Amino acid sequence: MHPVKIILAAFVILETINVVTLYLFPDSKYANAIGIFNAWEKTKSDPEIHRFVKYLVNWVAGTKLIFIMLLIVIIHTADQPSLIFTSIALVFSIAPFYWRLLPILRKMDEDGQITPHNYSLALGVMITVFILFFIFGIGLSLG
């Protein structure tokens, strides 16, 4: 099997677990669910805010589901150049995490607003590893 297909399939599996968790178990502190944020519980005391946050959580899950479905189609139908360009596109689409989401997550982590503590570090490492896997897969495909 093409190395990029294996990496994409692993990414699809992880993202699918995240989507299922966001849809069915948002209170969870696993699989990158919303329960890691202490504020999630606080929103439950204000029904208007909680509905708004639930809407955003489900919107994120739905958006991820669109990408998962597209990646499944790409895995099954794409030729080598398309797989390489898909991996490059994923690297560039995931990279904004470092300057948009990670700084917010780190600040929340420092302020004790996330459980477990140091979750921002764990998520940052996980995303870095995936980007490195994509780059490694691209390198294997080109080499």
Protein backbone atom coordinates (compact mmCIF):
# COMPACT_ATOMS: atom_id res chain seq x y z
CA MET A 1 0.00 0.00 0.00
CA HIS A 2 1.18 3.52 -0.78
CA PRO A 3 2.79 5.08 2.35
CA VAL A 4 0.66 8.23 2.10
CA LYS A 5 -2.50 6.09 2.04
CA ILE A 6 -1.46 4.46 5.31
CA ILE A 7 -0.81 7.83 6.94
CA LEU A 8 -4.07 9.26 5.60
CA ALA A 9 -5.97 6.21 6.83
CA ALA A 10 -4.48 6.61 10.33
CA PHE A 11 -5.47 10.28 10.28
CA VAL A 12 -9.01 9.35 9.19
CA ILE A 13 -9.28 6.86 12.05
CA LEU A 14 -8.16 9.40 14.66
CA GLU A 15 -10.43 12.10 13.29
CA THR A 16 -13.36 9.67 13.13
CA ILE A 17 -12.86 8.81 16.80
CA ASN A 18 -12.82 12.55 17.55
CA VAL A 19 -16.03 13.16 15.58
CA VAL A 20 -17.85 10.27 17.27
CA THR A 21 -16.72 11.58 20.64
CA LEU A 22 -17.79 15.15 19.86
CA TYR A 23 -21.22 14.00 18.65
CA LEU A 24 -21.98 11.30 21.23
CA PHE A 25 -19.75 11.96 24.24
CA PRO A 26 -18.90 15.68 24.30
CA ASP A 27 -18.38 15.58 28.09
CA SER A 28 -15.49 13.15 27.62
CA LYS A 29 -11.95 14.12 28.48
CA TYR A 30 -10.65 11.67 25.85
CA ALA A 31 -10.29 11.80 22.07
CA ASN A 32 -9.99 15.59 22.05
CA ALA A 33 -13.57 16.05 23.25
CA ILE A 34 -14.90 19.28 24.70
CA GLY A 35 -14.97 17.91 28.27
CA ILE A 36 -11.30 18.85 28.72
CA PHE A 37 -12.39 22.48 29.00
CA ASN A 38 -13.56 23.30 32.52
CA ALA A 39 -15.78 26.02 31.03
CA TRP A 40 -17.86 23.31 29.29
CA GLU A 41 -19.46 22.44 32.64
CA LYS A 42 -19.96 26.14 33.43
CA THR A 43 -21.92 26.64 30.19
CA LYS A 44 -24.50 24.16 31.45
CA SER A 45 -25.66 26.68 34.04
CA ASP A 46 -26.69 29.08 31.25
CA PRO A 47 -28.92 27.28 28.71
CA GLU A 48 -28.46 29.97 26.06
CA ILE A 49 -24.66 29.82 26.22
CA HIS A 50 -24.69 26.02 26.47
CA ARG A 51 -26.86 25.66 23.34
CA PHE A 52 -24.51 28.05 21.51
CA VAL A 53 -21.41 26.10 22.56
CA LYS A 54 -23.12 22.78 21.69
CA TYR A 55 -23.92 24.24 18.27
CA LEU A 56 -20.25 25.17 17.75
CA VAL A 57 -19.05 21.74 18.93
CA ASN A 58 -21.42 20.01 16.53
CA TRP A 59 -20.44 22.40 13.75
CA VAL A 60 -16.78 21.46 14.25
CA ALA A 61 -17.69 17.77 14.27
CA GLY A 62 -19.72 18.19 11.08
CA THR A 63 -16.89 20.03 9.36
CA LYS A 64 -14.45 17.30 10.37
CA LEU A 65 -16.89 14.72 9.02
CA ILE A 66 -16.87 16.42 5.62
CA PHE A 67 -13.07 16.22 5.53
CA ILE A 68 -13.09 12.59 6.68
CA MET A 69 -15.47 11.62 3.88
CA LEU A 70 -13.38 13.49 1.31
CA LEU A 71 -10.20 11.82 2.56
CA ILE A 72 -11.83 8.39 2.31
CA VAL A 73 -12.69 9.11 -1.33
CA ILE A 74 -9.16 10.38 -1.98
CA ILE A 75 -7.59 7.31 -0.35
CA HIS A 76 -9.62 5.00 -2.59
CA THR A 77 -9.43 6.89 -5.88
CA ALA A 78 -6.39 9.16 -6.00
CA ASP A 79 -3.23 8.56 -7.97
CA GLN A 80 0.23 9.19 -6.46
CA PRO A 81 0.47 12.91 -7.36
CA SER A 82 -2.99 13.54 -5.90
CA LEU A 83 -2.05 11.71 -2.70
CA ILE A 84 1.10 13.82 -2.37
CA PHE A 85 -0.81 17.06 -2.99
CA THR A 86 -3.45 15.96 -0.47
CA SER A 87 -0.72 15.46 2.14
CA ILE A 88 0.79 18.86 1.36
CA ALA A 89 -2.66 20.45 1.65
CA LEU A 90 -3.19 18.76 5.03
CA VAL A 91 0.14 20.02 6.33
CA PHE A 92 -0.79 23.58 5.36
CA SER A 93 -4.34 23.28 6.69
CA ILE A 94 -3.24 21.84 10.05
CA ALA A 95 -0.32 24.27 10.56
CA PRO A 96 -2.49 27.26 11.62
CA PHE A 97 -3.14 25.31 14.83
CA TYR A 98 0.25 26.56 16.06
CA TRP A 99 -0.47 30.27 15.82
CA ARG A 100 -4.24 30.36 16.26
CA LEU A 101 -5.35 27.58 18.62
CA LEU A 102 -2.24 26.50 20.52
CA PRO A 103 -1.56 29.92 22.10
CA ILE A 104 -5.14 30.04 23.40
CA LEU A 105 -4.94 26.45 24.62
CA ARG A 106 -1.59 27.09 26.37
CA LYS A 107 -3.00 30.14 28.17
CA MET A 108 -6.04 28.16 29.27
CA ASP A 109 -3.74 25.35 30.43
CA GLU A 110 -1.56 27.79 32.39
CA ASP A 111 -4.66 29.28 34.01
CA GLY A 112 -5.97 25.87 35.11
CA GLN A 113 -8.93 25.97 32.72
CA ILE A 114 -8.19 22.57 31.18
CA THR A 115 -8.27 19.10 32.72
CA PRO A 116 -5.93 17.26 32.45
CA HIS A 117 -3.16 19.76 33.03
CA ASN A 118 -0.59 20.03 30.19
CA TYR A 119 -3.18 18.94 27.65
CA SER A 120 -1.97 21.72 25.35
CA LEU A 121 1.50 20.15 25.30
CA ALA A 122 0.12 16.69 24.56
CA LEU A 123 -2.08 17.98 21.74
CA GLY A 124 0.76 20.07 20.31
CA VAL A 125 3.03 17.04 20.24
CA MET A 126 0.34 14.87 18.66
CA ILE A 127 -0.29 17.39 15.88
CA THR A 128 3.44 17.82 15.31
CA VAL A 129 3.83 14.06 14.96
CA PHE A 130 1.04 13.93 12.39
CA ILE A 131 2.54 16.74 10.36
CA LEU A 132 5.91 14.96 10.47
CA PHE A 133 4.22 11.73 9.34
CA PHE A 134 2.66 13.57 6.40
CA ILE A 135 6.03 15.05 5.47
CA PHE A 136 7.70 11.65 5.87
CA GLY A 137 5.05 10.08 3.62
CA ILE A 138 5.58 12.77 1.02
CA GLY A 139 9.33 12.14 1.18
CA LEU A 140 8.89 8.38 0.79
CA SER A 141 6.58 8.92 -2.17
CA LEU A 142 8.99 11.24 -3.91
CA GLY A 143 12.12 9.28 -3.04
